[in-house]
Amino acid sequence: KAIGVDSGWAVFLVAAAVAVIFFMIALALALPVYVVIVN
């Protein structure tokens, strides 16, 4: 939204991709207490 993209598919796919990235980073870091706190 900040860069002006309003396409439903584009927003959904980017949001899903970033969600997966954050999911994998949290899994790789293996620091559950900080994952809990930040999120």
Full PDB file with SEQRES, HELIX, SHEET, SSBOND, CRYST1, ORIGX, SCALE, CONECT and MASTER records, all heavy atoms in Angstrom:
SEQRES   1 A   39  LYS ALA ILE GLY VAL ASP SER GLY TRP ALA VAL PHE LEU          
SEQRES   2 A   39  VAL ALA ALA ALA VAL ALA VAL ILE PHE PHE MET ILE ALA          
SEQRES   3 A   39  LEU ALA LEU ALA LEU PRO VAL TYR VAL VAL ILE VAL ASN          
HELIX    1 AA1 GLY A    8  LEU A   29  1                                  22    
HELIX    2 AA2 PRO A   32  VAL A   38  1                                   7    
CRYST1    1.000    1.000    1.000  90.00  90.00  90.00 P 1           1          
ORIGX1      1.000000  0.000000  0.000000        0.00000                         
ORIGX2      0.000000  1.000000  0.000000        0.00000                         
ORIGX3      0.000000  0.000000  1.000000        0.00000                         
SCALE1      1.000000  0.000000  0.000000        0.00000                         
SCALE2      0.000000  1.000000  0.000000        0.00000                         
SCALE3      0.000000  0.000000  1.000000        0.00000                         
ATOM      1  N   LYS A   1       0.838  -1.200   0.000  1.00  0.00           N  
ATOM      2  CA  LYS A   1       0.000   0.000   0.000  1.00  0.00           C  
ATOM      3  C   LYS A   1       0.870   1.246   0.000  1.00  0.00           C  
ATOM      4  O   LYS A   1       0.560   2.246  -0.668  1.00  0.00           O  
ATOM      5  CB  LYS A   1      -0.924   0.006   1.223  1.00  0.00           C  
ATOM      6  CG  LYS A   1      -1.807   1.257   1.311  1.00  0.00           C  
ATOM      7  CD  LYS A   1      -2.664   1.427   0.068  1.00  0.00           C  
ATOM      8  CE  LYS A   1      -3.504   2.692   0.127  1.00  0.00           C  
ATOM      9  NZ  LYS A   1      -4.267   2.905  -1.119  1.00  0.00           N  
ATOM     10  N   ALA A   2       1.975   1.195   0.732  1.00  0.00           N  
ATOM     11  CA  ALA A   2       2.861   2.358   0.834  1.00  0.00           C  
ATOM     12  C   ALA A   2       3.440   2.743  -0.528  1.00  0.00           C  
ATOM     13  O   ALA A   2       3.674   3.929  -0.796  1.00  0.00           O  
ATOM     14  CB  ALA A   2       3.988   2.070   1.818  1.00  0.00           C  
ATOM     15  N   ILE A   3       3.663   1.755  -1.405  1.00  0.00           N  
ATOM     16  CA  ILE A   3       4.214   2.061  -2.729  1.00  0.00           C  
ATOM     17  C   ILE A   3       3.120   2.184  -3.784  1.00  0.00           C  
ATOM     18  O   ILE A   3       3.405   2.292  -4.980  1.00  0.00           O  
ATOM     19  CB  ILE A   3       5.255   1.003  -3.162  1.00  0.00           C  
ATOM     20  CG1 ILE A   3       4.620  -0.391  -3.293  1.00  0.00           C  
ATOM     21  CG2 ILE A   3       6.413   0.961  -2.175  1.00  0.00           C  
ATOM     22  CD1 ILE A   3       5.591  -1.454  -3.815  1.00  0.00           C  
ATOM     23  N   GLY A   4       1.864   2.153  -3.336  1.00  0.00           N  
ATOM     24  CA  GLY A   4       0.748   2.437  -4.242  1.00  0.00           C  
ATOM     25  C   GLY A   4       0.204   1.269  -5.028  1.00  0.00           C  
ATOM     26  O   GLY A   4      -0.494   1.468  -6.031  1.00  0.00           O  
ATOM     27  N   VAL A   5       0.473   0.024  -4.601  1.00  0.00           N  
ATOM     28  CA  VAL A   5      -0.043  -1.151  -5.303  1.00  0.00           C  
ATOM     29  C   VAL A   5      -1.392  -1.545  -4.718  1.00  0.00           C  
ATOM     30  O   VAL A   5      -1.495  -1.798  -3.516  1.00  0.00           O  
ATOM     31  CB  VAL A   5       0.939  -2.334  -5.194  1.00  0.00           C  
ATOM     32  CG1 VAL A   5       0.347  -3.571  -5.874  1.00  0.00           C  
ATOM     33  CG2 VAL A   5       2.272  -1.966  -5.816  1.00  0.00           C  
ATOM     34  N   ASP A   6      -2.428  -1.611  -5.576  1.00  0.00           N  
ATOM     35  CA  ASP A   6      -3.772  -1.939  -5.112  1.00  0.00           C  
ATOM     36  C   ASP A   6      -4.302  -3.257  -5.679  1.00  0.00           C  
ATOM     37  O   ASP A   6      -5.428  -3.650  -5.371  1.00  0.00           O  
ATOM     38  CB  ASP A   6      -4.754  -0.817  -5.486  1.00  0.00           C  
ATOM     39  CG  ASP A   6      -4.466   0.471  -4.727  1.00  0.00           C  
ATOM     40  OD1 ASP A   6      -3.953   0.380  -3.596  1.00  0.00           O  
ATOM     41  OD2 ASP A   6      -4.737   1.552  -5.278  1.00  0.00           O  
ATOM     42  N   SER A   7      -3.537  -3.895  -6.526  1.00  0.00           N  
ATOM     43  CA  SER A   7      -3.981  -5.144  -7.142  1.00  0.00           C  
ATOM     44  C   SER A   7      -4.137  -6.228  -6.077  1.00  0.00           C  
ATOM     45  O   SER A   7      -3.202  -6.517  -5.317  1.00  0.00           O  
ATOM     46  CB  SER A   7      -2.960  -5.608  -8.181  1.00  0.00           C  
ATOM     47  OG  SER A   7      -3.233  -6.926  -8.612  1.00  0.00           O  
ATOM     48  N   GLY A   8      -5.341  -6.819  -6.020  1.00  0.00           N  
ATOM     49  CA  GLY A   8      -5.619  -7.835  -5.008  1.00  0.00           C  
ATOM     50  C   GLY A   8      -4.649  -8.995  -5.031  1.00  0.00           C  
ATOM     51  O   GLY A   8      -4.117  -9.404  -3.988  1.00  0.00           O  
ATOM     52  N   TRP A   9      -4.391  -9.528  -6.216  1.00  0.00           N  
ATOM     53  CA  TRP A   9      -3.491 -10.671  -6.333  1.00  0.00           C  
ATOM     54  C   TRP A   9      -2.070 -10.305  -5.933  1.00  0.00           C  
ATOM     55  O   TRP A   9      -1.394 -11.053  -5.230  1.00  0.00           O  
ATOM     56  CB  TRP A   9      -3.494 -11.212  -7.770  1.00  0.00           C  
ATOM     57  CG  TRP A   9      -4.470 -12.310  -7.973  1.00  0.00           C  
ATOM     58  CD1 TRP A   9      -5.623 -12.275  -8.695  1.00  0.00           C  
ATOM     59  CD2 TRP A   9      -4.389 -13.627  -7.427  1.00  0.00           C  
ATOM     60  NE1 TRP A   9      -6.276 -13.481  -8.627  1.00  0.00           N  
ATOM     61  CE2 TRP A   9      -5.544 -14.334  -7.864  1.00  0.00           C  
ATOM     62  CE3 TRP A   9      -3.478 -14.280  -6.599  1.00  0.00           C  
ATOM     63  CZ2 TRP A   9      -5.794 -15.655  -7.511  1.00  0.00           C  
ATOM     64  CZ3 TRP A   9      -3.732 -15.611  -6.235  1.00  0.00           C  
ATOM     65  CH2 TRP A   9      -4.866 -16.274  -6.690  1.00  0.00           C  
ATOM     66  N   ALA A  10      -1.624  -9.129  -6.366  1.00  0.00           N  
ATOM     67  CA  ALA A  10      -0.253  -8.713  -6.053  1.00  0.00           C  
ATOM     68  C   ALA A  10      -0.062  -8.546  -4.555  1.00  0.00           C  
ATOM     69  O   ALA A  10       0.929  -9.018  -3.980  1.00  0.00           O  
ATOM     70  CB  ALA A  10       0.067  -7.405  -6.783  1.00  0.00           C  
ATOM     71  N   VAL A  11      -1.014  -7.877  -3.901  1.00  0.00           N  
ATOM     72  CA  VAL A  11      -0.922  -7.660  -2.454  1.00  0.00           C  
ATOM     73  C   VAL A  11      -0.962  -8.988  -1.716  1.00  0.00           C  
ATOM     74  O   VAL A  11      -0.169  -9.229  -0.794  1.00  0.00           O  
ATOM     75  CB  VAL A  11      -2.059  -6.744  -1.960  1.00  0.00           C  
ATOM     76  CG1 VAL A  11      -2.028  -6.635  -0.432  1.00  0.00           C  
ATOM     77  CG2 VAL A  11      -1.941  -5.361  -2.579  1.00  0.00           C  
ATOM     78  N   PHE A  12      -1.877  -9.867  -2.114  1.00  0.00           N  
ATOM     79  CA  PHE A  12      -2.027 -11.162  -1.452  1.00  0.00           C  
ATOM     80  C   PHE A  12      -0.757 -11.990  -1.586  1.00  0.00           C  
ATOM     81  O   PHE A  12      -0.274 -12.576  -0.605  1.00  0.00           O  
ATOM     82  CB  PHE A  12      -3.212 -11.918  -2.049  1.00  0.00           C  
ATOM     83  CG  PHE A  12      -3.437 -13.277  -1.427  1.00  0.00           C  
ATOM     84  CD1 PHE A  12      -4.054 -13.392  -0.192  1.00  0.00           C  
ATOM     85  CD2 PHE A  12      -3.022 -14.428  -2.072  1.00  0.00           C  
ATOM     86  CE1 PHE A  12      -4.265 -14.638   0.392  1.00  0.00           C  
ATOM     87  CE2 PHE A  12      -3.217 -15.673  -1.506  1.00  0.00           C  
ATOM     88  CZ  PHE A  12      -3.847 -15.781  -0.263  1.00  0.00           C  
ATOM     89  N   LEU A  13      -0.183 -12.051  -2.796  1.00  0.00           N  
ATOM     90  CA  LEU A  13       1.005 -12.870  -3.030  1.00  0.00           C  
ATOM     91  C   LEU A  13       2.227 -12.327  -2.280  1.00  0.00           C  
ATOM     92  O   LEU A  13       3.004 -13.093  -1.702  1.00  0.00           O  
ATOM     93  CB  LEU A  13       1.299 -12.954  -4.532  1.00  0.00           C  
ATOM     94  CG  LEU A  13       0.306 -13.778  -5.359  1.00  0.00           C  
ATOM     95  CD1 LEU A  13       0.642 -13.702  -6.845  1.00  0.00           C  
ATOM     96  CD2 LEU A  13       0.297 -15.235  -4.897  1.00  0.00           C  
ATOM     97  N   VAL A  14       2.400 -11.001  -2.280  1.00  0.00           N  
ATOM     98  CA  VAL A  14       3.535 -10.416  -1.571  1.00  0.00           C  
ATOM     99  C   VAL A  14       3.382 -10.623  -0.066  1.00  0.00           C  
ATOM    100  O   VAL A  14       4.349 -10.976   0.626  1.00  0.00           O  
ATOM    101  CB  VAL A  14       3.673  -8.914  -1.897  1.00  0.00           C  
ATOM    102  CG1 VAL A  14       4.682  -8.246  -0.957  1.00  0.00           C  
ATOM    103  CG2 VAL A  14       4.109  -8.729  -3.340  1.00  0.00           C  
ATOM    104  N   ALA A  15       2.163 -10.391   0.448  1.00  0.00           N  
ATOM    105  CA  ALA A  15       1.916 -10.604   1.873  1.00  0.00           C  
ATOM    106  C   ALA A  15       2.193 -12.063   2.253  1.00  0.00           C  
ATOM    107  O   ALA A  15       2.804 -12.344   3.292  1.00  0.00           O  
ATOM    108  CB  ALA A  15       0.480 -10.232   2.225  1.00  0.00           C  
ATOM    109  N   ALA A  16       1.748 -12.991   1.406  1.00  0.00           N  
ATOM    110  CA  ALA A  16       1.974 -14.416   1.670  1.00  0.00           C  
ATOM    111  C   ALA A  16       3.467 -14.750   1.629  1.00  0.00           C  
ATOM    112  O   ALA A  16       3.965 -15.511   2.463  1.00  0.00           O  
ATOM    113  CB  ALA A  16       1.222 -15.261   0.648  1.00  0.00           C  
ATOM    114  N   ALA A  17       4.184 -14.161   0.665  1.00  0.00           N  
ATOM    115  CA  ALA A  17       5.623 -14.424   0.531  1.00  0.00           C  
ATOM    116  C   ALA A  17       6.391 -13.908   1.749  1.00  0.00           C  
ATOM    117  O   ALA A  17       7.258 -14.611   2.287  1.00  0.00           O  
ATOM    118  CB  ALA A  17       6.158 -13.763  -0.742  1.00  0.00           C  
ATOM    119  N   VAL A  18       6.068 -12.694   2.193  1.00  0.00           N  
ATOM    120  CA  VAL A  18       6.750 -12.137   3.365  1.00  0.00           C  
ATOM    121  C   VAL A  18       6.390 -12.936   4.619  1.00  0.00           C  
ATOM    122  O   VAL A  18       7.226 -13.139   5.505  1.00  0.00           O  
ATOM    123  CB  VAL A  18       6.402 -10.649   3.558  1.00  0.00           C  
ATOM    124  CG1 VAL A  18       7.114 -10.084   4.783  1.00  0.00           C  
ATOM    125  CG2 VAL A  18       6.789  -9.846   2.323  1.00  0.00           C  
ATOM    126  N   ALA A  19       5.140 -13.407   4.690  1.00  0.00           N  
ATOM    127  CA  ALA A  19       4.720 -14.239   5.818  1.00  0.00           C  
ATOM    128  C   ALA A  19       5.553 -15.518   5.881  1.00  0.00           C  
ATOM    129  O   ALA A  19       6.015 -15.924   6.961  1.00  0.00           O  
ATOM    130  CB  ALA A  19       3.237 -14.585   5.699  1.00  0.00           C  
ATOM    131  N   VAL A  20       5.769 -16.144   4.743  1.00  0.00           N  
ATOM    132  CA  VAL A  20       6.575 -17.372   4.686  1.00  0.00           C  
ATOM    133  C   VAL A  20       8.020 -17.076   5.099  1.00  0.00           C  
ATOM    134  O   VAL A  20       8.642 -17.852   5.830  1.00  0.00           O  
ATOM    135  CB  VAL A  20       6.537 -17.986   3.273  1.00  0.00           C  
ATOM    136  CG1 VAL A  20       7.550 -19.124   3.157  1.00  0.00           C  
ATOM    137  CG2 VAL A  20       5.137 -18.496   2.958  1.00  0.00           C  
ATOM    138  N   ILE A  21       8.550 -15.942   4.646  1.00  0.00           N  
ATOM    139  CA  ILE A  21       9.926 -15.561   4.994  1.00  0.00           C  
ATOM    140  C   ILE A  21      10.062 -15.393   6.510  1.00  0.00           C  
ATOM    141  O   ILE A  21      11.009 -15.899   7.127  1.00  0.00           O  
ATOM    142  CB  ILE A  21      10.328 -14.262   4.269  1.00  0.00           C  
ATOM    143  CG1 ILE A  21      10.459 -14.517   2.766  1.00  0.00           C  
ATOM    144  CG2 ILE A  21      11.643 -13.716   4.841  1.00  0.00           C  
ATOM    145  CD1 ILE A  21      10.670 -13.264   1.947  1.00  0.00           C  
ATOM    146  N   PHE A  22       9.114 -14.671   7.113  1.00  0.00           N  
ATOM    147  CA  PHE A  22       9.149 -14.469   8.563  1.00  0.00           C  
ATOM    148  C   PHE A  22       8.991 -15.797   9.302  1.00  0.00           C  
ATOM    149  O   PHE A  22       9.636 -16.024  10.334  1.00  0.00           O  
ATOM    150  CB  PHE A  22       8.047 -13.499   8.994  1.00  0.00           C  
ATOM    151  CG  PHE A  22       8.469 -12.055   8.970  1.00  0.00           C  
ATOM    152  CD1 PHE A  22       8.944 -11.471   7.798  1.00  0.00           C  
ATOM    153  CD2 PHE A  22       8.395 -11.273  10.107  1.00  0.00           C  
ATOM    154  CE1 PHE A  22       9.343 -10.144   7.769  1.00  0.00           C  
ATOM    155  CE2 PHE A  22       8.799  -9.950  10.098  1.00  0.00           C  
ATOM    156  CZ  PHE A  22       9.275  -9.384   8.924  1.00  0.00           C  
ATOM    157  N   PHE A  23       8.128 -16.657   8.792  1.00  0.00           N  
ATOM    158  CA  PHE A  23       7.911 -17.989   9.373  1.00  0.00           C  
ATOM    159  C   PHE A  23       9.225 -18.768   9.383  1.00  0.00           C  
ATOM    160  O   PHE A  23       9.615 -19.350  10.407  1.00  0.00           O  
ATOM    161  CB  PHE A  23       6.843 -18.722   8.556  1.00  0.00           C  
ATOM    162  CG  PHE A  23       6.451 -20.060   9.100  1.00  0.00           C  
ATOM    163  CD1 PHE A  23       5.293 -20.204   9.859  1.00  0.00           C  
ATOM    164  CD2 PHE A  23       7.213 -21.191   8.835  1.00  0.00           C  
ATOM    165  CE1 PHE A  23       4.912 -21.448  10.357  1.00  0.00           C  
ATOM    166  CE2 PHE A  23       6.843 -22.436   9.327  1.00  0.00           C  
ATOM    167  CZ  PHE A  23       5.691 -22.564  10.091  1.00  0.00           C  
ATOM    168  N   MET A  24       9.913 -18.778   8.242  1.00  0.00           N  
ATOM    169  CA  MET A  24      11.160 -19.538   8.116  1.00  0.00           C  
ATOM    170  C   MET A  24      12.282 -18.928   8.953  1.00  0.00           C  
ATOM    171  O   MET A  24      13.092 -19.656   9.539  1.00  0.00           O  
ATOM    172  CB  MET A  24      11.571 -19.601   6.638  1.00  0.00           C  
ATOM    173  CG  MET A  24      10.582 -20.334   5.751  1.00  0.00           C  
ATOM    174  SD  MET A  24      10.182 -22.006   6.360  1.00  0.00           S  
ATOM    175  CE  MET A  24      11.779 -22.802   6.209  1.00  0.00           C  
ATOM    176  N   ILE A  25      12.331 -17.585   9.029  1.00  0.00           N  
ATOM    177  CA  ILE A  25      13.355 -16.941   9.850  1.00  0.00           C  
ATOM    178  C   ILE A  25      13.156 -17.298  11.323  1.00  0.00           C  
ATOM    179  O   ILE A  25      14.114 -17.614  12.044  1.00  0.00           O  
ATOM    180  CB  ILE A  25      13.307 -15.403   9.671  1.00  0.00           C  
ATOM    181  CG1 ILE A  25      13.805 -15.015   8.276  1.00  0.00           C  
ATOM    182  CG2 ILE A  25      14.144 -14.708  10.750  1.00  0.00           C  
ATOM    183  CD1 ILE A  25      13.686 -13.547   7.969  1.00  0.00           C  
ATOM    184  N   ALA A  26      11.891 -17.244  11.774  1.00  0.00           N  
ATOM    185  CA  ALA A  26      11.593 -17.590  13.166  1.00  0.00           C  
ATOM    186  C   ALA A  26      11.970 -19.042  13.456  1.00  0.00           C  
ATOM    187  O   ALA A  26      12.500 -19.356  14.525  1.00  0.00           O  
ATOM    188  CB  ALA A  26      10.108 -17.362  13.449  1.00  0.00           C  
ATOM    189  N   LEU A  27      11.708 -19.920  12.499  1.00  0.00           N  
ATOM    190  CA  LEU A  27      12.038 -21.340  12.669  1.00  0.00           C  
ATOM    191  C   LEU A  27      13.550 -21.540  12.713  1.00  0.00           C  
ATOM    192  O   LEU A  27      14.065 -22.306  13.541  1.00  0.00           O  
ATOM    193  CB  LEU A  27      11.433 -22.153  11.531  1.00  0.00           C  
ATOM    194  CG  LEU A  27      11.635 -23.670  11.578  1.00  0.00           C  
ATOM    195  CD1 LEU A  27      10.984 -24.258  12.829  1.00  0.00           C  
ATOM    196  CD2 LEU A  27      11.054 -24.324  10.324  1.00  0.00           C  
ATOM    197  N   ALA A  28      14.269 -20.822  11.843  1.00  0.00           N  
ATOM    198  CA  ALA A  28      15.721 -20.980  11.766  1.00  0.00           C  
ATOM    199  C   ALA A  28      16.422 -20.393  12.989  1.00  0.00           C  
ATOM    200  O   ALA A  28      17.405 -20.957  13.469  1.00  0.00           O  
ATOM    201  CB  ALA A  28      16.247 -20.318  10.496  1.00  0.00           C  
ATOM    202  N   LEU A  29      15.913 -19.283  13.502  1.00  0.00           N  
ATOM    203  CA  LEU A  29      16.560 -18.642  14.651  1.00  0.00           C  
ATOM    204  C   LEU A  29      16.439 -19.473  15.926  1.00  0.00           C  
ATOM    205  O   LEU A  29      17.299 -19.419  16.800  1.00  0.00           O  
ATOM    206  CB  LEU A  29      15.954 -17.256  14.894  1.00  0.00           C  
ATOM    207  CG  LEU A  29      16.313 -16.182  13.870  1.00  0.00           C  
ATOM    208  CD1 LEU A  29      15.589 -14.879  14.189  1.00  0.00           C  
ATOM    209  CD2 LEU A  29      17.828 -15.949  13.841  1.00  0.00           C  
ATOM    210  N   ALA A  30      15.335 -20.227  16.025  1.00  0.00           N  
ATOM    211  CA  ALA A  30      15.120 -21.095  17.188  1.00  0.00           C  
ATOM    212  C   ALA A  30      15.214 -20.327  18.502  1.00  0.00           C  
ATOM    213  O   ALA A  30      15.838 -20.774  19.464  1.00  0.00           O  
ATOM    214  CB  ALA A  30      16.108 -22.263  17.181  1.00  0.00           C  
ATOM    215  N   LEU A  31      14.639 -19.142  18.548  1.00  0.00           N  
ATOM    216  CA  LEU A  31      14.584 -18.324  19.765  1.00  0.00           C  
ATOM    217  C   LEU A  31      13.108 -18.048  20.077  1.00  0.00           C  
ATOM    218  O   LEU A  31      12.624 -16.920  19.899  1.00  0.00           O  
ATOM    219  CB  LEU A  31      15.341 -17.013  19.566  1.00  0.00           C  
ATOM    220  CG  LEU A  31      16.850 -17.131  19.328  1.00  0.00           C  
ATOM    221  CD1 LEU A  31      17.430 -15.787  18.938  1.00  0.00           C  
ATOM    222  CD2 LEU A  31      17.533 -17.674  20.577  1.00  0.00           C  
ATOM    223  N   PRO A  32      12.390 -19.064  20.514  1.00  0.00           N  
ATOM    224  CA  PRO A  32      10.937 -18.951  20.652  1.00  0.00           C  
ATOM    225  C   PRO A  32      10.452 -17.816  21.541  1.00  0.00           C  
ATOM    226  O   PRO A  32       9.443 -17.187  21.251  1.00  0.00           O  
ATOM    227  CB  PRO A  32      10.526 -20.313  21.224  1.00  0.00           C  
ATOM    228  CG  PRO A  32      11.772 -20.879  21.832  1.00  0.00           C  
ATOM    229  CD  PRO A  32      12.875 -20.382  20.962  1.00  0.00           C  
ATOM    230  N   VAL A  33      11.184 -17.538  22.631  1.00  0.00           N  
ATOM    231  CA  VAL A  33      10.699 -16.507  23.541  1.00  0.00           C  
ATOM    232  C   VAL A  33      10.707 -15.136  22.859  1.00  0.00           C  
ATOM    233  O   VAL A  33       9.791 -14.325  23.048  1.00  0.00           O  
ATOM    234  CB  VAL A  33      11.533 -16.480  24.837  1.00  0.00           C  
ATOM    235  CG1 VAL A  33      12.942 -16.000  24.571  1.00  0.00           C  
ATOM    236  CG2 VAL A  33      10.865 -15.578  25.879  1.00  0.00           C  
ATOM    237  N   TYR A  34      11.711 -14.875  22.032  1.00  0.00           N  
ATOM    238  CA  TYR A  34      11.768 -13.595  21.330  1.00  0.00           C  
ATOM    239  C   TYR A  34      10.760 -13.551  20.177  1.00  0.00           C  
ATOM    240  O   TYR A  34      10.230 -12.483  19.850  1.00  0.00           O  
ATOM    241  CB  TYR A  34      13.186 -13.336  20.825  1.00  0.00           C  
ATOM    242  CG  TYR A  34      14.159 -13.076  21.961  1.00  0.00           C  
ATOM    243  CD1 TYR A  34      15.012 -14.066  22.422  1.00  0.00           C  
ATOM    244  CD2 TYR A  34      14.192 -11.832  22.592  1.00  0.00           C  
ATOM    245  CE1 TYR A  34      15.884 -13.838  23.477  1.00  0.00           C  
ATOM    246  CE2 TYR A  34      15.057 -11.585  23.653  1.00  0.00           C  
ATOM    247  CZ  TYR A  34      15.895 -12.596  24.084  1.00  0.00           C  
ATOM    248  OH  TYR A  34      16.743 -12.355  25.139  1.00  0.00           O  
ATOM    249  N   VAL A  35      10.525 -14.701  19.559  1.00  0.00           N  
ATOM    250  CA  VAL A  35       9.488 -14.784  18.532  1.00  0.00           C  
ATOM    251  C   VAL A  35       8.137 -14.415  19.136  1.00  0.00           C  
ATOM    252  O   VAL A  35       7.359 -13.647  18.570  1.00  0.00           O  
ATOM    253  CB  VAL A  35       9.427 -16.213  17.931  1.00  0.00           C  
ATOM    254  CG1 VAL A  35       8.190 -16.366  17.040  1.00  0.00           C  
ATOM    255  CG2 VAL A  35      10.683 -16.507  17.131  1.00  0.00           C  
ATOM    256  N   VAL A  36       7.875 -14.959  20.325  1.00  0.00           N  
ATOM    257  CA  VAL A  36       6.628 -14.676  21.030  1.00  0.00           C  
ATOM    258  C   VAL A  36       6.516 -13.191  21.362  1.00  0.00           C  
ATOM    259  O   VAL A  36       5.495 -12.551  21.098  1.00  0.00           O  
ATOM    260  CB  VAL A  36       6.531 -15.514  22.328  1.00  0.00           C  
ATOM    261  CG1 VAL A  36       5.347 -15.049  23.169  1.00  0.00           C  
ATOM    262  CG2 VAL A  36       6.404 -16.992  21.995  1.00  0.00           C  
ATOM    263  N   ILE A  37       7.567 -12.625  21.929  1.00  0.00           N  
ATOM    264  CA  ILE A  37       7.547 -11.231  22.370  1.00  0.00           C  
ATOM    265  C   ILE A  37       7.306 -10.273  21.204  1.00  0.00           C  
ATOM    266  O   ILE A  37       6.411  -9.422  21.242  1.00  0.00           O  
ATOM    267  CB  ILE A  37       8.871 -10.872  23.076  1.00  0.00           C  
ATOM    268  CG1 ILE A  37       8.928 -11.540  24.452  1.00  0.00           C  
ATOM    269  CG2 ILE A  37       9.016  -9.361  23.219  1.00  0.00           C  
ATOM    270  CD1 ILE A  37      10.258 -11.358  25.152  1.00  0.00           C  
ATOM    271  N   VAL A  38       8.117 -10.393  20.166  1.00  0.00           N  
ATOM    272  CA  VAL A  38       8.034  -9.458  19.039  1.00  0.00           C  
ATOM    273  C   VAL A  38       6.695  -9.566  18.323  1.00  0.00           C  
ATOM    274  O   VAL A  38       6.051  -8.551  18.015  1.00  0.00           O  
ATOM    275  CB  VAL A  38       9.192  -9.706  18.043  1.00  0.00           C  
ATOM    276  CG1 VAL A  38       8.987  -8.862  16.783  1.00  0.00           C  
ATOM    277  CG2 VAL A  38      10.527  -9.373  18.688  1.00  0.00           C  
ATOM    278  N   ASN A  39       6.248 -10.780  18.099  1.00  0.00           N  
ATOM    279  CA  ASN A  39       5.044 -10.946  17.287  1.00  0.00           C  
ATOM    280  C   ASN A  39       3.756 -10.685  18.045  1.00  0.00           C  
ATOM    281  O   ASN A  39       2.785 -10.204  17.457  1.00  0.00           O  
ATOM    282  CB  ASN A  39       5.048 -12.336  16.648  1.00  0.00           C  
ATOM    283  CG  ASN A  39       6.144 -12.474  15.621  1.00  0.00           C  
ATOM    284  OD1 ASN A  39       6.107 -11.836  14.580  1.00  0.00           O  
ATOM    285  ND2 ASN A  39       7.150 -13.278  15.916  1.00  0.00           N  
TER     286      ASN A  39                                                      
MASTER        0    0    0    2    0    0    0    6  285    1    0    3          
END                                                                             
